[in-house]
Amino acid sequence: YYKARYSKAEAYKKTRSSCKSHVSKGKLWIIKNGNLVR
């Protein structure tokens, strides 16, 4: 998404920030207490 819209450096920054945001919003997955959870 960001690569198609921004320079390489800016796309990297925006991708990194968006991924961090996805973690806090529960849109990614982690293993917690032996279970796969948001």
ModelCIF file with pLDDT and N, C-alpha, C, O atoms, coordinates in Angstrom:
data_MODEL
#
_entry.id   MODEL 
#
_entity.id                         1 
_entity.type                       polymer 
_entity.pdbx_number_of_molecules   1 
#
_entity_poly.entity_id                      1 
_entity_poly.type                           'polypeptide(L)' 
_entity_poly.nstd_linkage                   no 
_entity_poly.nstd_monomer                   no 
_entity_poly.pdbx_seq_one_letter_code       YYKARYSKAEAYKKTRSSCKSHVSKGKLWIIKNGNLVR 
_entity_poly.pdbx_seq_one_letter_code_can   YYKARYSKAEAYKKTRSSCKSHVSKGKLWIIKNGNLVR 
_entity_poly.pdbx_strand_id                 A 
#
loop_
_entity_poly_seq.entity_id 
_entity_poly_seq.num 
_entity_poly_seq.mon_id 
_entity_poly_seq.hetero 
1 1  TYR n 
1 2  TYR n 
1 3  LYS n 
1 4  ALA n 
1 5  ARG n 
1 6  TYR n 
1 7  SER n 
1 8  LYS n 
1 9  ALA n 
1 10 GLU n 
1 11 ALA n 
1 12 TYR n 
1 13 LYS n 
1 14 LYS n 
1 15 THR n 
1 16 ARG n 
1 17 SER n 
1 18 SER n 
1 19 CYS n 
1 20 LYS n 
1 21 SER n 
1 22 HIS n 
1 23 VAL n 
1 24 SER n 
1 25 LYS n 
1 26 GLY n 
1 27 LYS n 
1 28 LEU n 
1 29 TRP n 
1 30 ILE n 
1 31 ILE n 
1 32 LYS n 
1 33 ASN n 
1 34 GLY n 
1 35 ASN n 
1 36 LEU n 
1 37 VAL n 
1 38 ARG n 
#
_struct_asym.id          A 
_struct_asym.entity_id   1 
#
loop_
_ma_qa_metric.id 
_ma_qa_metric.mode 
_ma_qa_metric.name 
_ma_qa_metric.software_group_id 
_ma_qa_metric.type 
1 global pLDDT . pLDDT 
2 local  pLDDT . pLDDT 
#
_ma_qa_metric_global.metric_id      1 
_ma_qa_metric_global.metric_value   95.74 
_ma_qa_metric_global.model_id       1 
_ma_qa_metric_global.ordinal_id     1 
#
loop_
_ma_qa_metric_local.label_asym_id 
_ma_qa_metric_local.label_comp_id 
_ma_qa_metric_local.label_seq_id 
_ma_qa_metric_local.metric_id 
_ma_qa_metric_local.metric_value 
_ma_qa_metric_local.model_id 
_ma_qa_metric_local.ordinal_id 
A TYR 1  2 98.00 1 1  
A TYR 2  2 98.00 1 2  
A LYS 3  2 97.00 1 3  
A ALA 4  2 98.00 1 4  
A ARG 5  2 98.00 1 5  
A TYR 6  2 98.00 1 6  
A SER 7  2 98.00 1 7  
A LYS 8  2 96.00 1 8  
A ALA 9  2 97.00 1 9  
A GLU 10 2 98.00 1 10 
A ALA 11 2 97.00 1 11 
A TYR 12 2 96.00 1 12 
A LYS 13 2 97.00 1 13 
A LYS 14 2 98.00 1 14 
A THR 15 2 97.00 1 15 
A ARG 16 2 96.00 1 16 
A SER 17 2 97.00 1 17 
A SER 18 2 98.00 1 18 
A CYS 19 2 96.00 1 19 
A LYS 20 2 95.00 1 20 
A SER 21 2 97.00 1 21 
A HIS 22 2 97.00 1 22 
A VAL 23 2 95.00 1 23 
A SER 24 2 95.00 1 24 
A LYS 25 2 97.00 1 25 
A GLY 26 2 96.00 1 26 
A LYS 27 2 96.00 1 27 
A LEU 28 2 97.00 1 28 
A TRP 29 2 96.00 1 29 
A ILE 30 2 95.00 1 30 
A ILE 31 2 92.00 1 31 
A LYS 32 2 92.00 1 32 
A ASN 33 2 90.00 1 33 
A GLY 34 2 87.00 1 34 
A ASN 35 2 90.00 1 35 
A LEU 36 2 92.00 1 36 
A VAL 37 2 95.00 1 37 
A ARG 38 2 96.00 1 38 
#
loop_
_atom_site.group_PDB 
_atom_site.id 
_atom_site.type_symbol 
_atom_site.label_atom_id 
_atom_site.label_alt_id 
_atom_site.label_comp_id 
_atom_site.label_asym_id 
_atom_site.label_entity_id 
_atom_site.label_seq_id 
_atom_site.pdbx_PDB_ins_code 
_atom_site.Cartn_x 
_atom_site.Cartn_y 
_atom_site.Cartn_z 
_atom_site.occupancy 
_atom_site.B_iso_or_equiv 
_atom_site.pdbx_formal_charge 
_atom_site.auth_seq_id 
_atom_site.auth_comp_id 
_atom_site.auth_asym_id 
_atom_site.auth_atom_id 
_atom_site.pdbx_PDB_model_num 
ATOM 1   N N  . TYR A 1 1  ? 0.834  -1.202  0.000  1.00 98.00 ? 1  TYR A N  1 
ATOM 2   C CA . TYR A 1 1  ? 0.000  0.000   0.000  1.00 98.00 ? 1  TYR A CA 1 
ATOM 3   C C  . TYR A 1 1  ? 0.871  1.256   0.000  1.00 98.00 ? 1  TYR A C  1 
ATOM 4   O O  . TYR A 1 1  ? 0.683  2.144   -0.831 1.00 98.00 ? 1  TYR A O  1 
ATOM 5   N N  . TYR A 1 2  ? 1.816  1.328   0.927  1.00 98.00 ? 2  TYR A N  1 
ATOM 6   C CA . TYR A 1 2  ? 2.653  2.517   1.030  1.00 98.00 ? 2  TYR A CA 1 
ATOM 7   C C  . TYR A 1 2  ? 3.686  2.611   -0.081 1.00 98.00 ? 2  TYR A C  1 
ATOM 8   O O  . TYR A 1 2  ? 4.020  3.711   -0.521 1.00 98.00 ? 2  TYR A O  1 
ATOM 9   N N  . LYS A 1 3  ? 4.189  1.490   -0.535 1.00 97.00 ? 3  LYS A N  1 
ATOM 10  C CA . LYS A 1 3  ? 5.179  1.486   -1.614 1.00 97.00 ? 3  LYS A CA 1 
ATOM 11  C C  . LYS A 1 3  ? 4.604  2.106   -2.885 1.00 97.00 ? 3  LYS A C  1 
ATOM 12  O O  . LYS A 1 3  ? 5.317  2.774   -3.635 1.00 97.00 ? 3  LYS A O  1 
ATOM 13  N N  . ALA A 1 4  ? 3.322  1.883   -3.122 1.00 98.00 ? 4  ALA A N  1 
ATOM 14  C CA . ALA A 1 4  ? 2.673  2.408   -4.324 1.00 98.00 ? 4  ALA A CA 1 
ATOM 15  C C  . ALA A 1 4  ? 2.406  3.913   -4.221 1.00 98.00 ? 4  ALA A C  1 
ATOM 16  O O  . ALA A 1 4  ? 2.086  4.552   -5.223 1.00 98.00 ? 4  ALA A O  1 
ATOM 17  N N  . ARG A 1 5  ? 2.535  4.480   -3.029 1.00 98.00 ? 5  ARG A N  1 
ATOM 18  C CA . ARG A 1 5  ? 2.137  5.871   -2.821 1.00 98.00 ? 5  ARG A CA 1 
ATOM 19  C C  . ARG A 1 5  ? 3.260  6.812   -2.388 1.00 98.00 ? 5  ARG A C  1 
ATOM 20  O O  . ARG A 1 5  ? 3.110  8.030   -2.488 1.00 98.00 ? 5  ARG A O  1 
ATOM 21  N N  . TYR A 1 6  ? 4.371  6.274   -1.914 1.00 98.00 ? 6  TYR A N  1 
ATOM 22  C CA . TYR A 1 6  ? 5.419  7.113   -1.339 1.00 98.00 ? 6  TYR A CA 1 
ATOM 23  C C  . TYR A 1 6  ? 6.797  6.691   -1.825 1.00 98.00 ? 6  TYR A C  1 
ATOM 24  O O  . TYR A 1 6  ? 6.968  5.625   -2.415 1.00 98.00 ? 6  TYR A O  1 
ATOM 25  N N  . SER A 1 7  ? 7.775  7.553   -1.564 1.00 98.00 ? 7  SER A N  1 
ATOM 26  C CA . SER A 1 7  ? 9.163  7.201   -1.854 1.00 98.00 ? 7  SER A CA 1 
ATOM 27  C C  . SER A 1 7  ? 9.553  6.001   -0.984 1.00 98.00 ? 7  SER A C  1 
ATOM 28  O O  . SER A 1 7  ? 8.864  5.667   -0.020 1.00 98.00 ? 7  SER A O  1 
ATOM 29  N N  . LYS A 1 8  ? 10.645 5.375   -1.336 1.00 96.00 ? 8  LYS A N  1 
ATOM 30  C CA . LYS A 1 8  ? 11.079 4.184   -0.598 1.00 96.00 ? 8  LYS A CA 1 
ATOM 31  C C  . LYS A 1 8  ? 11.272 4.481   0.890  1.00 96.00 ? 8  LYS A C  1 
ATOM 32  O O  . LYS A 1 8  ? 10.800 3.729   1.742  1.00 96.00 ? 8  LYS A O  1 
ATOM 33  N N  . ALA A 1 9  ? 11.962 5.572   1.196  1.00 97.00 ? 9  ALA A N  1 
ATOM 34  C CA . ALA A 1 9  ? 12.237 5.912   2.601  1.00 97.00 ? 9  ALA A CA 1 
ATOM 35  C C  . ALA A 1 9  ? 10.950 6.232   3.353  1.00 97.00 ? 9  ALA A C  1 
ATOM 36  O O  . ALA A 1 9  ? 10.762 5.787   4.485  1.00 97.00 ? 9  ALA A O  1 
ATOM 37  N N  . GLU A 1 10 ? 10.077 6.992   2.734  1.00 98.00 ? 10 GLU A N  1 
ATOM 38  C CA . GLU A 1 10 ? 8.820  7.359   3.396  1.00 98.00 ? 10 GLU A CA 1 
ATOM 39  C C  . GLU A 1 10 ? 7.909  6.137   3.539  1.00 98.00 ? 10 GLU A C  1 
ATOM 40  O O  . GLU A 1 10 ? 7.238  5.972   4.558  1.00 98.00 ? 10 GLU A O  1 
ATOM 41  N N  . ALA A 1 11 ? 7.890  5.292   2.525  1.00 97.00 ? 11 ALA A N  1 
ATOM 42  C CA . ALA A 1 11 ? 7.077  4.070   2.592  1.00 97.00 ? 11 ALA A CA 1 
ATOM 43  C C  . ALA A 1 11 ? 7.554  3.181   3.738  1.00 97.00 ? 11 ALA A C  1 
ATOM 44  O O  . ALA A 1 11 ? 6.737  2.589   4.443  1.00 97.00 ? 11 ALA A O  1 
ATOM 45  N N  . TYR A 1 12 ? 8.874  3.083   3.929  1.00 96.00 ? 12 TYR A N  1 
ATOM 46  C CA . TYR A 1 12 ? 9.419  2.289   5.020  1.00 96.00 ? 12 TYR A CA 1 
ATOM 47  C C  . TYR A 1 12 ? 8.927  2.822   6.371  1.00 96.00 ? 12 TYR A C  1 
ATOM 48  O O  . TYR A 1 12 ? 8.471  2.056   7.220  1.00 96.00 ? 12 TYR A O  1 
ATOM 49  N N  . LYS A 1 13 ? 9.026  4.145   6.558  1.00 97.00 ? 13 LYS A N  1 
ATOM 50  C CA . LYS A 1 13 ? 8.601  4.754   7.823  1.00 97.00 ? 13 LYS A CA 1 
ATOM 51  C C  . LYS A 1 13 ? 7.116  4.523   8.074  1.00 97.00 ? 13 LYS A C  1 
ATOM 52  O O  . LYS A 1 13 ? 6.711  4.162   9.179  1.00 97.00 ? 13 LYS A O  1 
ATOM 53  N N  . LYS A 1 14 ? 6.316  4.733   7.045  1.00 98.00 ? 14 LYS A N  1 
ATOM 54  C CA . LYS A 1 14 ? 4.866  4.584   7.199  1.00 98.00 ? 14 LYS A CA 1 
ATOM 55  C C  . LYS A 1 14 ? 4.482  3.127   7.431  1.00 98.00 ? 14 LYS A C  1 
ATOM 56  O O  . LYS A 1 14 ? 3.576  2.840   8.213  1.00 98.00 ? 14 LYS A O  1 
ATOM 57  N N  . THR A 1 15 ? 5.162  2.213   6.759  1.00 97.00 ? 15 THR A N  1 
ATOM 58  C CA . THR A 1 15 ? 4.884  0.786   6.944  1.00 97.00 ? 15 THR A CA 1 
ATOM 59  C C  . THR A 1 15 ? 5.220  0.372   8.365  1.00 97.00 ? 15 THR A C  1 
ATOM 60  O O  . THR A 1 15 ? 4.438  -0.324  9.014  1.00 97.00 ? 15 THR A O  1 
ATOM 61  N N  . ARG A 1 16 ? 6.359  0.788   8.842  1.00 96.00 ? 16 ARG A N  1 
ATOM 62  C CA . ARG A 1 16 ? 6.787  0.460   10.215 1.00 96.00 ? 16 ARG A CA 1 
ATOM 63  C C  . ARG A 1 16 ? 5.788  1.005   11.238 1.00 96.00 ? 16 ARG A C  1 
ATOM 64  O O  . ARG A 1 16 ? 5.389  0.298   12.164 1.00 96.00 ? 16 ARG A O  1 
ATOM 65  N N  . SER A 1 17 ? 5.393  2.251   11.067 1.00 97.00 ? 17 SER A N  1 
ATOM 66  C CA . SER A 1 17 ? 4.440  2.874   11.976 1.00 97.00 ? 17 SER A CA 1 
ATOM 67  C C  . SER A 1 17 ? 3.080  2.167   11.924 1.00 97.00 ? 17 SER A C  1 
ATOM 68  O O  . SER A 1 17 ? 2.454  1.933   12.958 1.00 97.00 ? 17 SER A O  1 
ATOM 69  N N  . SER A 1 18 ? 2.643  1.839   10.736 1.00 98.00 ? 18 SER A N  1 
ATOM 70  C CA . SER A 1 18 ? 1.354  1.165   10.576 1.00 98.00 ? 18 SER A CA 1 
ATOM 71  C C  . SER A 1 18 ? 1.374  -0.222  11.206 1.00 98.00 ? 18 SER A C  1 
ATOM 72  O O  . SER A 1 18 ? 0.395  -0.632  11.830 1.00 98.00 ? 18 SER A O  1 
ATOM 73  N N  . CYS A 1 19 ? 2.465  -0.938  11.051 1.00 96.00 ? 19 CYS A N  1 
ATOM 74  C CA . CYS A 1 19 ? 2.557  -2.269  11.656 1.00 96.00 ? 19 CYS A CA 1 
ATOM 75  C C  . CYS A 1 19 ? 2.504  -2.168  13.182 1.00 96.00 ? 19 CYS A C  1 
ATOM 76  O O  . CYS A 1 19 ? 1.844  -2.976  13.833 1.00 96.00 ? 19 CYS A O  1 
ATOM 77  N N  . LYS A 1 20 ? 3.191  -1.187  13.748 1.00 95.00 ? 20 LYS A N  1 
ATOM 78  C CA . LYS A 1 20 ? 3.133  -0.986  15.203 1.00 95.00 ? 20 LYS A CA 1 
ATOM 79  C C  . LYS A 1 20 ? 1.706  -0.680  15.637 1.00 95.00 ? 20 LYS A C  1 
ATOM 80  O O  . LYS A 1 20 ? 1.240  -1.178  16.662 1.00 95.00 ? 20 LYS A O  1 
ATOM 81  N N  . SER A 1 21 ? 1.023  0.134   14.860 1.00 97.00 ? 21 SER A N  1 
ATOM 82  C CA . SER A 1 21 ? -0.359 0.476   15.168 1.00 97.00 ? 21 SER A CA 1 
ATOM 83  C C  . SER A 1 21 ? -1.256 -0.756  15.101 1.00 97.00 ? 21 SER A C  1 
ATOM 84  O O  . SER A 1 21 ? -2.144 -0.935  15.934 1.00 97.00 ? 21 SER A O  1 
ATOM 85  N N  . HIS A 1 22 ? -1.016 -1.595  14.109 1.00 97.00 ? 22 HIS A N  1 
ATOM 86  C CA . HIS A 1 22 ? -1.803 -2.825  13.967 1.00 97.00 ? 22 HIS A CA 1 
ATOM 87  C C  . HIS A 1 22 ? -1.629 -3.734  15.185 1.00 97.00 ? 22 HIS A C  1 
ATOM 88  O O  . HIS A 1 22 ? -2.575 -4.402  15.603 1.00 97.00 ? 22 HIS A O  1 
ATOM 89  N N  . VAL A 1 23 ? -0.432 -3.758  15.750 1.00 95.00 ? 23 VAL A N  1 
ATOM 90  C CA . VAL A 1 23 ? -0.183 -4.566  16.954 1.00 95.00 ? 23 VAL A CA 1 
ATOM 91  C C  . VAL A 1 23 ? -1.063 -4.069  18.095 1.00 95.00 ? 23 VAL A C  1 
ATOM 92  O O  . VAL A 1 23 ? -1.761 -4.856  18.734 1.00 95.00 ? 23 VAL A O  1 
ATOM 93  N N  . SER A 1 24 ? -1.027 -2.765  18.350 1.00 95.00 ? 24 SER A N  1 
ATOM 94  C CA . SER A 1 24 ? -1.780 -2.227  19.493 1.00 95.00 ? 24 SER A CA 1 
ATOM 95  C C  . SER A 1 24 ? -3.289 -2.304  19.294 1.00 95.00 ? 24 SER A C  1 
ATOM 96  O O  . SER A 1 24 ? -4.042 -2.340  20.267 1.00 95.00 ? 24 SER A O  1 
ATOM 97  N N  . LYS A 1 25 ? -3.732 -2.331  18.045 1.00 97.00 ? 25 LYS A N  1 
ATOM 98  C CA . LYS A 1 25 ? -5.166 -2.418  17.758 1.00 97.00 ? 25 LYS A CA 1 
ATOM 99  C C  . LYS A 1 25 ? -5.675 -3.855  17.668 1.00 97.00 ? 25 LYS A C  1 
ATOM 100 O O  . LYS A 1 25 ? -6.864 -4.084  17.444 1.00 97.00 ? 25 LYS A O  1 
ATOM 101 N N  . GLY A 1 26 ? -4.778 -4.816  17.842 1.00 96.00 ? 26 GLY A N  1 
ATOM 102 C CA . GLY A 1 26 ? -5.198 -6.218  17.820 1.00 96.00 ? 26 GLY A CA 1 
ATOM 103 C C  . GLY A 1 26 ? -5.417 -6.773  16.434 1.00 96.00 ? 26 GLY A C  1 
ATOM 104 O O  . GLY A 1 26 ? -6.175 -7.728  16.260 1.00 96.00 ? 26 GLY A O  1 
ATOM 105 N N  . LYS A 1 27 ? -4.770 -6.196  15.449 1.00 96.00 ? 27 LYS A N  1 
ATOM 106 C CA . LYS A 1 27 ? -4.949 -6.660  14.073 1.00 96.00 ? 27 LYS A CA 1 
ATOM 107 C C  . LYS A 1 27 ? -3.872 -7.653  13.653 1.00 96.00 ? 27 LYS A C  1 
ATOM 108 O O  . LYS A 1 27 ? -3.895 -8.162  12.532 1.00 96.00 ? 27 LYS A O  1 
ATOM 109 N N  . LEU A 1 28 ? -2.922 -7.931  14.557 1.00 97.00 ? 28 LEU A N  1 
ATOM 110 C CA . LEU A 1 28 ? -1.894 -8.934  14.299 1.00 97.00 ? 28 LEU A CA 1 
ATOM 111 C C  . LEU A 1 28 ? -2.027 -10.033 15.343 1.00 97.00 ? 28 LEU A C  1 
ATOM 112 O O  . LEU A 1 28 ? -2.918 -9.981  16.191 1.00 97.00 ? 28 LEU A O  1 
ATOM 113 N N  . TRP A 1 29 ? -1.149 -11.021 15.287 1.00 96.00 ? 29 TRP A N  1 
ATOM 114 C CA . TRP A 1 29 ? -1.259 -12.202 16.136 1.00 96.00 ? 29 TRP A CA 1 
ATOM 115 C C  . TRP A 1 29 ? -0.021 -12.372 16.988 1.00 96.00 ? 29 TRP A C  1 
ATOM 116 O O  . TRP A 1 29 ? 1.087  -12.047 16.562 1.00 96.00 ? 29 TRP A O  1 
ATOM 117 N N  . ILE A 1 30 ? -0.214 -12.887 18.205 1.00 95.00 ? 30 ILE A N  1 
ATOM 118 C CA . ILE A 1 30 ? 0.886  -13.235 19.107 1.00 95.00 ? 30 ILE A CA 1 
ATOM 119 C C  . ILE A 1 30 ? 0.561  -14.584 19.755 1.00 95.00 ? 30 ILE A C  1 
ATOM 120 O O  . ILE A 1 30 ? -0.569 -15.068 19.696 1.00 95.00 ? 30 ILE A O  1 
ATOM 121 N N  . ILE A 1 31 ? 1.573  -15.166 20.364 1.00 92.00 ? 31 ILE A N  1 
ATOM 122 C CA . ILE A 1 31 ? 1.357  -16.378 21.149 1.00 92.00 ? 31 ILE A CA 1 
ATOM 123 C C  . ILE A 1 31 ? 1.404  -15.958 22.611 1.00 92.00 ? 31 ILE A C  1 
ATOM 124 O O  . ILE A 1 31 ? 2.410  -15.427 23.082 1.00 92.00 ? 31 ILE A O  1 
ATOM 125 N N  . LYS A 1 32 ? 0.314  -16.198 23.320 1.00 92.00 ? 32 LYS A N  1 
ATOM 126 C CA . LYS A 1 32 ? 0.191  -15.803 24.714 1.00 92.00 ? 32 LYS A CA 1 
ATOM 127 C C  . LYS A 1 32 ? -0.288 -17.000 25.508 1.00 92.00 ? 32 LYS A C  1 
ATOM 128 O O  . LYS A 1 32 ? -1.325 -17.588 25.199 1.00 92.00 ? 32 LYS A O  1 
ATOM 129 N N  . ASN A 1 33 ? 0.460  -17.355 26.522 1.00 90.00 ? 33 ASN A N  1 
ATOM 130 C CA . ASN A 1 33 ? 0.114  -18.515 27.351 1.00 90.00 ? 33 ASN A CA 1 
ATOM 131 C C  . ASN A 1 33 ? -0.111 -19.770 26.509 1.00 90.00 ? 33 ASN A C  1 
ATOM 132 O O  . ASN A 1 33 ? -0.990 -20.581 26.803 1.00 90.00 ? 33 ASN A O  1 
ATOM 133 N N  . GLY A 1 34 ? 0.691  -19.913 25.467 1.00 87.00 ? 34 GLY A N  1 
ATOM 134 C CA . GLY A 1 34 ? 0.616  -21.103 24.620 1.00 87.00 ? 34 GLY A CA 1 
ATOM 135 C C  . GLY A 1 34 ? -0.512 -21.094 23.600 1.00 87.00 ? 34 GLY A C  1 
ATOM 136 O O  . GLY A 1 34 ? -0.752 -22.100 22.933 1.00 87.00 ? 34 GLY A O  1 
ATOM 137 N N  . ASN A 1 35 ? -1.209 -19.965 23.472 1.00 90.00 ? 35 ASN A N  1 
ATOM 138 C CA . ASN A 1 35 ? -2.324 -19.884 22.527 1.00 90.00 ? 35 ASN A CA 1 
ATOM 139 C C  . ASN A 1 35 ? -2.079 -18.774 21.507 1.00 90.00 ? 35 ASN A C  1 
ATOM 140 O O  . ASN A 1 35 ? -1.442 -17.767 21.816 1.00 90.00 ? 35 ASN A O  1 
ATOM 141 N N  . LEU A 1 36 ? -2.577 -18.960 20.319 1.00 92.00 ? 36 LEU A N  1 
ATOM 142 C CA . LEU A 1 36 ? -2.498 -17.935 19.277 1.00 92.00 ? 36 LEU A CA 1 
ATOM 143 C C  . LEU A 1 36 ? -3.685 -16.995 19.457 1.00 92.00 ? 36 LEU A C  1 
ATOM 144 O O  . LEU A 1 36 ? -4.842 -17.398 19.342 1.00 92.00 ? 36 LEU A O  1 
ATOM 145 N N  . VAL A 1 37 ? -3.365 -15.713 19.745 1.00 95.00 ? 37 VAL A N  1 
ATOM 146 C CA . VAL A 1 37 ? -4.415 -14.733 20.037 1.00 95.00 ? 37 VAL A CA 1 
ATOM 147 C C  . VAL A 1 37 ? -4.103 -13.419 19.317 1.00 95.00 ? 37 VAL A C  1 
ATOM 148 O O  . VAL A 1 37 ? -2.982 -13.198 18.858 1.00 95.00 ? 37 VAL A O  1 
ATOM 149 N N  . ARG A 1 38 ? -5.107 -12.561 19.230 1.00 96.00 ? 38 ARG A N  1 
ATOM 150 C CA . ARG A 1 38 ? -4.918 -11.234 18.663 1.00 96.00 ? 38 ARG A CA 1 
ATOM 151 C C  . ARG A 1 38 ? -3.928 -10.455 19.525 1.00 96.00 ? 38 ARG A C  1 
ATOM 152 O O  . ARG A 1 38 ? -3.622 -9.301  19.225 1.00 96.00 ? 38 ARG A O  1 
#
